[in-house]
N, C-alpha and C. Protein backbone atom coordinates (compact mmCIF):
# COMPACT_ATOMS: atom_id res chain seq x y z
N MET A 1 0.85 -1.16 -0.12
CA MET A 1 0.03 0.08 0.28
C MET A 1 0.74 1.54 -0.21
N LEU A 2 2.05 1.44 0.67
CA LEU A 2 2.87 2.58 0.72
C LEU A 2 3.49 2.47 -0.46
N THR A 3 3.90 1.65 -1.17
CA THR A 3 4.34 1.63 -2.83
C THR A 3 3.67 2.41 -3.80
N ALA A 4 2.45 1.66 -3.66
CA ALA A 4 1.27 2.14 -4.73
C ALA A 4 0.83 3.53 -4.04
N GLY A 5 1.11 4.14 -2.80
CA GLY A 5 0.47 5.16 -2.67
C GLY A 5 1.31 6.40 -3.10
N VAL A 6 2.97 6.20 -2.81
CA VAL A 6 3.70 6.93 -3.31
C VAL A 6 3.92 6.97 -4.84
N ALA A 7 3.70 5.64 -5.40
CA ALA A 7 3.97 5.64 -6.81
C ALA A 7 2.57 6.69 -7.40
N THR A 8 1.34 6.52 -7.23
CA THR A 8 0.49 7.04 -7.52
C THR A 8 0.61 8.86 -6.98
N TYR A 9 1.46 9.10 -5.90
CA TYR A 9 1.62 10.51 -5.76
C TYR A 9 2.74 11.15 -6.85
N ARG A 10 3.70 10.28 -6.85
CA ARG A 10 4.95 10.43 -7.96
C ARG A 10 4.27 11.06 -9.48
N LEU A 11 3.64 9.87 -10.05
CA LEU A 11 2.73 9.78 -11.13
C LEU A 11 1.87 11.24 -11.23
N TRP A 12 1.43 11.61 -10.27
CA TRP A 12 0.24 13.14 -10.34
C TRP A 12 1.24 14.02 -10.34
N ARG A 13 2.29 14.30 -9.67
CA ARG A 13 3.40 15.21 -9.81
C ARG A 13 4.11 15.19 -11.24
N GLU A 14 4.58 14.03 -11.42
CA GLU A 14 5.13 13.91 -12.93
C GLU A 14 4.20 14.47 -14.03
N ARG A 15 2.74 14.35 -13.67
CA ARG A 15 1.90 14.48 -14.80
C ARG A 15 1.29 15.76 -14.50
N GLY A 16 2.16 16.55 -13.93
CA GLY A 16 1.42 18.08 -13.65
C GLY A 16 0.93 18.45 -12.48
N GLY A 17 0.57 17.41 -11.62
CA GLY A 17 -0.52 17.58 -10.72
C GLY A 17 -0.09 18.89 -9.90
N ALA A 18 -0.90 19.56 -9.19
CA ALA A 18 -0.50 20.48 -8.14
C ALA A 18 0.15 20.19 -6.88
N VAL A 19 1.12 20.55 -6.28
CA VAL A 19 1.45 20.35 -4.88
C VAL A 19 0.56 20.75 -3.89
N PRO A 20 0.53 19.76 -3.16
CA PRO A 20 -0.39 19.81 -2.20
C PRO A 20 -0.06 20.77 -1.31
N THR A 21 -1.34 21.55 -0.54
CA THR A 21 -0.75 22.48 0.70
C THR A 21 -0.82 21.57 2.01
N ALA A 22 -1.40 20.72 2.14
CA ALA A 22 -1.73 19.76 3.19
C ALA A 22 -2.05 17.95 2.44
N VAL A 23 -1.35 17.41 3.28
CA VAL A 23 -1.32 15.76 3.15
C VAL A 23 -1.68 15.32 4.47
N ALA A 24 -2.44 14.34 4.20
CA ALA A 24 -2.93 13.33 5.50
C ALA A 24 -3.26 11.72 4.85
N GLY A 25 -3.19 11.07 6.13
CA GLY A 25 -3.50 9.91 5.65
C GLY A 25 -3.81 9.02 6.85
N HIS A 26 -4.77 8.01 6.85
CA HIS A 26 -5.15 7.16 8.15
C HIS A 26 -4.28 5.93 8.04
N SER A 27 -3.93 5.35 9.21
CA SER A 27 -3.32 4.14 9.43
C SER A 27 -2.14 4.08 8.38
N LEU A 28 -1.85 3.37 7.64
CA LEU A 28 -0.81 3.07 6.77
C LEU A 28 -0.51 4.14 6.03
N GLY A 29 -1.80 4.93 5.49
CA GLY A 29 -1.62 6.11 4.67
C GLY A 29 -0.96 7.16 5.36
N GLU A 30 -0.71 7.00 6.67
CA GLU A 30 -0.02 8.00 7.07
C GLU A 30 1.45 8.27 6.78
N PHE A 31 2.22 7.23 6.38
CA PHE A 31 3.42 7.09 5.98
C PHE A 31 3.43 7.44 4.40
N THR A 32 2.67 7.09 3.62
CA THR A 32 2.71 7.81 2.38
C THR A 32 2.45 9.22 2.31
N ALA A 33 1.68 9.91 3.53
CA ALA A 33 1.58 11.16 3.52
C ALA A 33 2.86 11.83 3.79
N LEU A 34 3.55 11.46 4.72
CA LEU A 34 4.86 11.66 5.43
C LEU A 34 5.88 11.82 4.08
N VAL A 35 5.59 10.75 3.30
CA VAL A 35 6.82 10.57 2.27
C VAL A 35 6.36 11.61 1.18
N ALA A 36 5.27 11.99 0.85
CA ALA A 36 4.64 12.84 -0.08
C ALA A 36 4.85 13.96 0.73
N ALA A 37 4.94 14.61 1.90
CA ALA A 37 5.05 15.74 1.96
C ALA A 37 6.72 16.19 2.52
N GLY A 38 7.53 15.12 2.00
CA GLY A 38 8.80 15.22 1.96
C GLY A 38 9.47 15.18 3.41
N CYS A 39 8.79 14.79 4.54
CA CYS A 39 9.16 14.46 5.87
C CYS A 39 10.13 13.24 6.18
N LEU A 40 9.73 12.40 5.43
CA LEU A 40 10.34 11.01 5.40
C LEU A 40 10.60 10.31 4.33
N ASP A 41 11.95 9.76 4.23
CA ASP A 41 12.47 9.42 2.89
C ASP A 41 11.49 8.09 2.67
N PHE A 42 11.43 7.46 1.24
CA PHE A 42 10.75 6.54 0.87
C PHE A 42 11.44 5.51 1.67
N ARG A 43 12.39 5.08 1.64
CA ARG A 43 13.27 3.85 2.04
C ARG A 43 13.30 3.77 3.43
N VAL A 44 13.38 4.77 4.30
CA VAL A 44 12.98 4.84 5.62
C VAL A 44 11.78 4.35 5.92
N ALA A 45 10.69 5.10 5.23
CA ALA A 45 9.19 4.56 5.27
C ALA A 45 9.03 3.33 5.25
N VAL A 46 9.75 2.50 4.19
CA VAL A 46 9.43 1.31 4.05
C VAL A 46 10.14 0.23 5.18
N ASP A 47 11.14 0.45 5.88
CA ASP A 47 11.63 0.03 6.95
C ASP A 47 10.65 0.08 8.42
N LEU A 48 9.95 1.39 8.26
CA LEU A 48 8.91 1.57 9.36
C LEU A 48 7.97 0.59 9.33
N VAL A 49 7.33 0.74 8.02
CA VAL A 49 6.19 0.01 7.75
C VAL A 49 6.39 -1.64 8.03
N LYS A 50 7.51 -2.10 7.58
CA LYS A 50 8.06 -3.21 7.84
C LYS A 50 8.18 -3.58 9.24
N PHE A 51 8.70 -2.65 10.13
CA PHE A 51 8.61 -3.07 11.39
C PHE A 51 7.10 -2.68 12.03
N ARG A 52 6.67 -1.75 11.93
CA ARG A 52 4.86 -1.76 12.01
C ARG A 52 4.51 -3.21 12.01
N ALA A 53 4.19 -3.66 10.92
CA ALA A 53 3.84 -5.16 10.77
C ALA A 53 4.31 -6.09 11.62
N GLU A 54 5.37 -6.08 11.79
CA GLU A 54 5.85 -7.53 12.17
C GLU A 54 5.72 -7.20 13.82
N ALA A 55 5.32 -5.63 14.38
CA ALA A 55 5.08 -5.42 15.74
C ALA A 55 3.64 -5.86 15.99
N MET A 56 2.85 -5.64 14.85
CA MET A 56 1.34 -5.61 15.12
C MET A 56 1.03 -7.18 15.05
N GLN A 57 1.84 -7.91 14.29
CA GLN A 57 1.40 -9.44 13.95
C GLN A 57 2.07 -9.98 15.38
N ALA A 58 2.98 -9.68 15.79
CA ALA A 58 3.55 -10.38 17.07
C ALA A 58 2.76 -10.06 18.38
N ALA A 59 1.95 -9.08 18.25
CA ALA A 59 1.21 -8.81 19.43
C ALA A 59 -0.15 -9.68 19.82
N VAL A 60 -0.23 -10.30 18.68
CA VAL A 60 -1.65 -11.07 19.02
C VAL A 60 -1.05 -12.61 17.89
N PRO A 61 -0.81 -13.50 18.59
CA PRO A 61 -0.41 -14.72 17.84
C PRO A 61 -1.52 -14.97 16.39
N GLN A 62 -0.51 -15.64 15.51
CA GLN A 62 -1.64 -15.95 14.23
C GLN A 62 -2.85 -16.91 14.60
N GLY A 63 -3.83 -16.50 14.01
CA GLY A 63 -5.16 -17.32 14.33
C GLY A 63 -6.07 -16.91 15.48
N GLU A 64 -5.15 -16.15 16.56
CA GLU A 64 -6.15 -15.90 17.59
C GLU A 64 -6.98 -14.91 17.43
N GLY A 65 -6.60 -13.94 16.79
CA GLY A 65 -7.44 -12.47 16.25
C GLY A 65 -7.98 -12.55 15.03
N ALA A 66 -9.13 -11.69 14.63
CA ALA A 66 -9.83 -11.61 13.55
C ALA A 66 -10.10 -10.17 13.46
N MET A 67 -10.56 -9.64 12.14
CA MET A 67 -10.95 -8.84 11.75
C MET A 67 -12.35 -9.02 10.77
N ALA A 68 -13.33 -8.11 10.85
CA ALA A 68 -14.53 -8.32 9.77
C ALA A 68 -15.00 -6.77 9.52
N ALA A 69 -15.67 -6.61 8.27
CA ALA A 69 -16.29 -5.68 8.01
C ALA A 69 -17.69 -5.69 8.20
N ILE A 70 -18.47 -4.94 8.69
CA ILE A 70 -19.84 -5.18 8.99
C ILE A 70 -20.66 -3.85 8.11
N ILE A 71 -21.53 -4.43 7.23
CA ILE A 71 -21.99 -3.31 6.31
C ILE A 71 -23.39 -3.68 6.17
N GLY A 72 -24.06 -2.32 6.29
CA GLY A 72 -25.46 -2.01 6.17
C GLY A 72 -26.04 -1.78 7.39
N LEU A 73 -25.85 -1.80 8.50
CA LEU A 73 -25.79 -1.44 9.87
C LEU A 73 -25.57 0.04 10.51
N GLU A 74 -26.38 0.31 11.45
CA GLU A 74 -26.07 1.35 12.08
C GLU A 74 -24.61 1.30 13.30
N ASP A 75 -23.99 2.22 13.55
CA ASP A 75 -23.15 2.25 14.05
C ASP A 75 -23.57 1.63 15.68
N SER A 76 -24.74 1.93 16.19
CA SER A 76 -25.26 1.28 17.49
C SER A 76 -25.45 -0.25 17.40
N ASP A 77 -25.78 -0.68 15.98
CA ASP A 77 -26.12 -1.96 15.87
C ASP A 77 -24.97 -2.80 15.80
N VAL A 78 -24.02 -2.18 15.27
CA VAL A 78 -22.75 -3.04 15.32
C VAL A 78 -22.36 -2.73 16.51
N GLN A 79 -22.24 -1.94 17.37
CA GLN A 79 -21.76 -2.03 18.81
C GLN A 79 -22.82 -2.93 19.67
N ALA A 80 -23.93 -3.18 19.34
CA ALA A 80 -24.73 -4.06 20.04
C ALA A 80 -24.52 -5.52 19.92
N ALA A 81 -24.32 -5.72 18.69
CA ALA A 81 -23.68 -7.06 17.96
C ALA A 81 -22.29 -7.27 18.52
N CYS A 82 -21.55 -6.77 19.08
CA CYS A 82 -20.07 -6.59 19.42
C CYS A 82 -20.43 -7.01 20.73
N SER A 83 -21.42 -6.28 21.62
CA SER A 83 -21.88 -6.55 23.07
C SER A 83 -21.88 -8.09 23.30
N GLU A 84 -23.22 -8.05 22.23
CA GLU A 84 -23.72 -9.88 22.50
C GLU A 84 -23.00 -10.58 22.16
N ALA A 85 -22.02 -10.70 21.36
CA ALA A 85 -20.73 -11.78 21.00
C ALA A 85 -19.70 -11.77 22.12
N ALA A 86 -19.79 -10.71 23.24
CA ALA A 86 -18.59 -10.35 24.09
C ALA A 86 -18.54 -11.99 25.08
N ASP A 87 -19.91 -12.84 25.16
CA ASP A 87 -19.63 -14.09 25.72
C ASP A 87 -18.71 -14.92 25.12
N SER A 88 -18.26 -14.58 23.93
CA SER A 88 -17.57 -15.55 23.19
C SER A 88 -15.82 -15.04 23.07
N GLY A 89 -15.70 -13.80 23.59
CA GLY A 89 -14.47 -13.35 23.87
C GLY A 89 -14.40 -11.96 23.61
N VAL A 90 -13.32 -11.39 23.20
CA VAL A 90 -13.24 -9.68 22.93
C VAL A 90 -13.57 -9.53 21.53
N VAL A 91 -14.23 -8.45 21.43
CA VAL A 91 -14.73 -8.15 20.21
C VAL A 91 -15.31 -6.85 20.11
N GLU A 92 -14.71 -5.64 19.59
CA GLU A 92 -15.25 -4.12 19.32
C GLU A 92 -15.38 -3.95 17.96
N ALA A 93 -16.10 -2.76 17.94
CA ALA A 93 -15.93 -1.56 16.69
C ALA A 93 -14.58 -0.85 16.88
N VAL A 94 -13.76 -0.92 15.59
CA VAL A 94 -12.89 -0.20 15.67
C VAL A 94 -12.30 0.85 14.82
N ASN A 95 -13.09 0.53 13.54
CA ASN A 95 -13.14 1.66 12.45
C ASN A 95 -14.36 1.93 11.90
N PHE A 96 -14.91 3.35 12.13
CA PHE A 96 -15.92 3.63 11.31
C PHE A 96 -15.74 4.40 10.14
N ASN A 97 -15.73 3.38 9.18
CA ASN A 97 -15.13 3.91 7.90
C ASN A 97 -16.00 4.77 7.01
N ALA A 98 -17.52 4.42 7.19
CA ALA A 98 -18.42 5.58 6.51
C ALA A 98 -19.81 5.24 7.18
N PRO A 99 -20.86 5.78 6.96
CA PRO A 99 -22.05 5.41 7.63
C PRO A 99 -22.37 4.08 6.65
N GLY A 100 -22.86 3.09 7.67
CA GLY A 100 -23.18 1.60 7.26
C GLY A 100 -21.88 1.06 7.13
N GLN A 101 -21.07 1.31 7.35
CA GLN A 101 -19.53 0.46 7.18
C GLN A 101 -18.77 0.58 8.61
N VAL A 102 -18.48 -0.53 9.19
CA VAL A 102 -17.54 -0.61 10.48
C VAL A 102 -17.08 -1.57 10.57
N VAL A 103 -15.67 -1.70 10.90
CA VAL A 103 -14.66 -2.59 11.00
C VAL A 103 -14.96 -2.99 12.48
N ILE A 104 -14.84 -4.21 12.93
CA ILE A 104 -14.80 -4.91 14.41
C ILE A 104 -13.63 -5.82 14.22
N ALA A 105 -12.78 -6.06 15.29
CA ALA A 105 -11.87 -6.99 15.50
C ALA A 105 -11.96 -7.26 16.81
N GLY A 106 -11.37 -8.52 17.23
CA GLY A 106 -11.14 -9.24 18.41
C GLY A 106 -10.76 -10.53 18.45
N THR A 107 -10.96 -11.50 19.29
CA THR A 107 -10.62 -12.80 19.22
C THR A 107 -11.54 -13.45 18.41
N ALA A 108 -10.84 -14.32 17.42
CA ALA A 108 -11.38 -14.90 16.35
C ALA A 108 -12.77 -15.59 16.56
N ALA A 109 -13.27 -16.08 17.62
CA ALA A 109 -14.25 -16.74 18.21
C ALA A 109 -15.36 -15.50 18.24
N ALA A 110 -14.81 -14.40 19.08
CA ALA A 110 -15.80 -13.43 19.06
C ALA A 110 -16.12 -12.76 17.64
N VAL A 111 -15.49 -12.52 16.94
CA VAL A 111 -15.71 -11.98 15.72
C VAL A 111 -16.58 -12.75 14.96
N ALA A 112 -16.21 -13.80 14.76
CA ALA A 112 -17.28 -14.82 14.24
C ALA A 112 -18.82 -15.06 14.65
N ARG A 113 -18.90 -14.82 16.06
CA ARG A 113 -20.08 -14.59 16.71
C ARG A 113 -20.78 -13.51 16.45
N ALA A 114 -19.90 -12.51 16.30
CA ALA A 114 -20.45 -11.05 15.93
C ALA A 114 -21.13 -10.97 14.39
N ILE A 115 -20.26 -11.67 13.69
CA ILE A 115 -20.56 -11.45 12.22
C ILE A 115 -21.63 -12.50 12.01
N GLU A 116 -21.95 -13.34 12.87
CA GLU A 116 -23.33 -14.24 12.71
C GLU A 116 -24.26 -13.25 13.23
N ILE A 117 -24.00 -12.65 14.41
CA ILE A 117 -25.33 -11.83 14.85
C ILE A 117 -25.48 -10.73 13.58
N ALA A 118 -24.41 -10.05 13.60
CA ALA A 118 -24.96 -9.03 12.37
C ALA A 118 -25.43 -9.39 11.12
N SER A 119 -24.95 -10.83 10.66
CA SER A 119 -25.53 -11.07 9.38
C SER A 119 -27.36 -11.00 9.37
N GLY A 120 -27.64 -11.10 10.46
CA GLY A 120 -29.42 -11.45 10.70
C GLY A 120 -29.87 -10.11 10.80
N ARG A 121 -29.05 -8.97 10.67
CA ARG A 121 -29.24 -7.45 10.56
C ARG A 121 -29.00 -6.79 9.42
N GLY A 122 -27.83 -7.22 8.99
CA GLY A 122 -26.89 -6.55 7.63
C GLY A 122 -26.13 -7.21 7.13
N ARG A 123 -25.04 -7.04 6.91
CA ARG A 123 -23.99 -8.17 6.18
C ARG A 123 -22.53 -7.93 7.14
N GLY A 124 -21.91 -9.15 7.35
CA GLY A 124 -20.91 -9.25 7.80
C GLY A 124 -19.55 -9.92 6.97
N ALA A 125 -18.40 -9.45 6.80
CA ALA A 125 -17.42 -10.36 6.02
C ALA A 125 -16.52 -10.15 6.89
N ARG A 126 -15.53 -11.50 7.01
CA ARG A 126 -14.23 -11.55 7.51
C ARG A 126 -13.52 -11.07 6.63
N CYS A 127 -12.64 -10.16 7.44
CA CYS A 127 -11.35 -9.59 6.52
C CYS A 127 -10.22 -10.51 6.19
N ARG A 128 -9.55 -10.57 5.31
CA ARG A 128 -8.35 -11.40 4.97
C ARG A 128 -7.08 -11.20 5.51
N CYS A 129 -7.20 -10.80 6.74
CA CYS A 129 -5.73 -10.77 7.58
C CYS A 129 -5.48 -11.57 8.24
N ARG A 130 -3.93 -11.68 8.82
CA ARG A 130 -3.61 -12.71 9.36
C ARG A 130 -3.56 -12.33 10.95
N SER A 131 -4.33 -11.33 11.34
CA SER A 131 -4.43 -11.05 12.83
C SER A 131 -5.47 -9.77 12.97
N ALA A 132 -5.70 -9.57 14.32
CA ALA A 132 -6.76 -8.27 14.57
C ALA A 132 -5.66 -7.36 15.17
N PHE A 133 -5.96 -6.17 14.38
CA PHE A 133 -5.29 -4.82 14.45
C PHE A 133 -6.38 -3.73 14.98
N ARG A 134 -5.99 -2.94 16.01
CA ARG A 134 -6.81 -1.82 16.47
C ARG A 134 -7.84 -2.41 17.42
N HIS A 135 -7.34 -3.34 18.34
CA HIS A 135 -8.38 -3.47 19.71
C HIS A 135 -7.87 -4.03 20.95
N THR A 136 -8.23 -4.04 21.95
CA THR A 136 -7.47 -4.13 23.31
C THR A 136 -7.00 -5.75 23.12
N VAL A 137 -7.17 -6.51 22.40
CA VAL A 137 -6.50 -7.96 22.79
C VAL A 137 -5.07 -7.55 22.32
N ARG A 138 -5.12 -6.80 21.12
CA ARG A 138 -3.60 -6.49 20.61
C ARG A 138 -2.71 -5.78 21.52
N SER A 139 -3.24 -4.83 22.47
CA SER A 139 -2.63 -4.00 23.40
C SER A 139 -2.43 -4.66 24.34
N CYS A 140 -2.78 -6.02 24.84
CA CYS A 140 -2.54 -6.70 26.06
C CYS A 140 -0.92 -7.61 25.45
N GLY A 141 -0.63 -7.90 24.25
CA GLY A 141 0.25 -8.38 23.79
C GLY A 141 1.43 -8.27 24.13
N ARG A 142 2.74 -9.24 24.08
CA ARG A 142 4.16 -8.73 24.45
C ARG A 142 4.82 -7.84 23.32
N PRO A 143 5.71 -7.12 23.73
CA PRO A 143 5.93 -6.34 22.65
C PRO A 143 6.96 -6.94 21.84
N PRO A 144 7.25 -6.95 20.61
CA PRO A 144 8.50 -7.37 19.78
C PRO A 144 9.90 -7.51 20.54
N ASN A 145 10.82 -7.72 20.36
CA ASN A 145 12.34 -7.89 20.62
C ASN A 145 12.31 -6.53 20.42
N GLY A 146 13.37 -5.84 21.49
CA GLY A 146 13.73 -4.43 20.94
C GLY A 146 12.54 -3.59 21.55
N CYS A 147 11.45 -3.86 21.95
CA CYS A 147 10.46 -2.93 22.14
C CYS A 147 10.34 -2.61 23.60
N VAL A 148 10.16 -1.27 23.98
CA VAL A 148 9.52 -1.14 25.50
C VAL A 148 8.32 -1.08 25.47
N SER A 149 7.84 -1.70 26.62
CA SER A 149 6.42 -1.78 26.61
C SER A 149 6.11 -0.42 27.70
N GLY A 150 4.77 -0.03 28.15
CA GLY A 150 4.54 0.97 29.01
C GLY A 150 4.09 1.94 28.30
């Protein structure tokens, strides 16, 4: 994603696109924004993104966490589905992407249960990722080697 974003920005500039007065990015997109702004060298950004991925993966063992996009429900309905599924483990709404599109994350069993509950009211689709990012289960994980927790 970083490479594609930076390549798109460079192509934009090459073809006469205006220099932006401001840049912003969400999550991984923050690195693209920093490179586009000239605040971060692309090679350094690649190394940081690699470190970030390794740290996030190390925080929750593979297969223990999951993420899913819930589509077609109000935010409060997604949060209610997560609360109802909490007897299966930790699950919470983590990204409110747009009206009617909320990403949930947590333990694999609880996310599966929340998808089941939400599917009766809207649609739920498990994301194809190796772990669950942006939720409290991840924050309880051990830091990767060389990292300081706290």
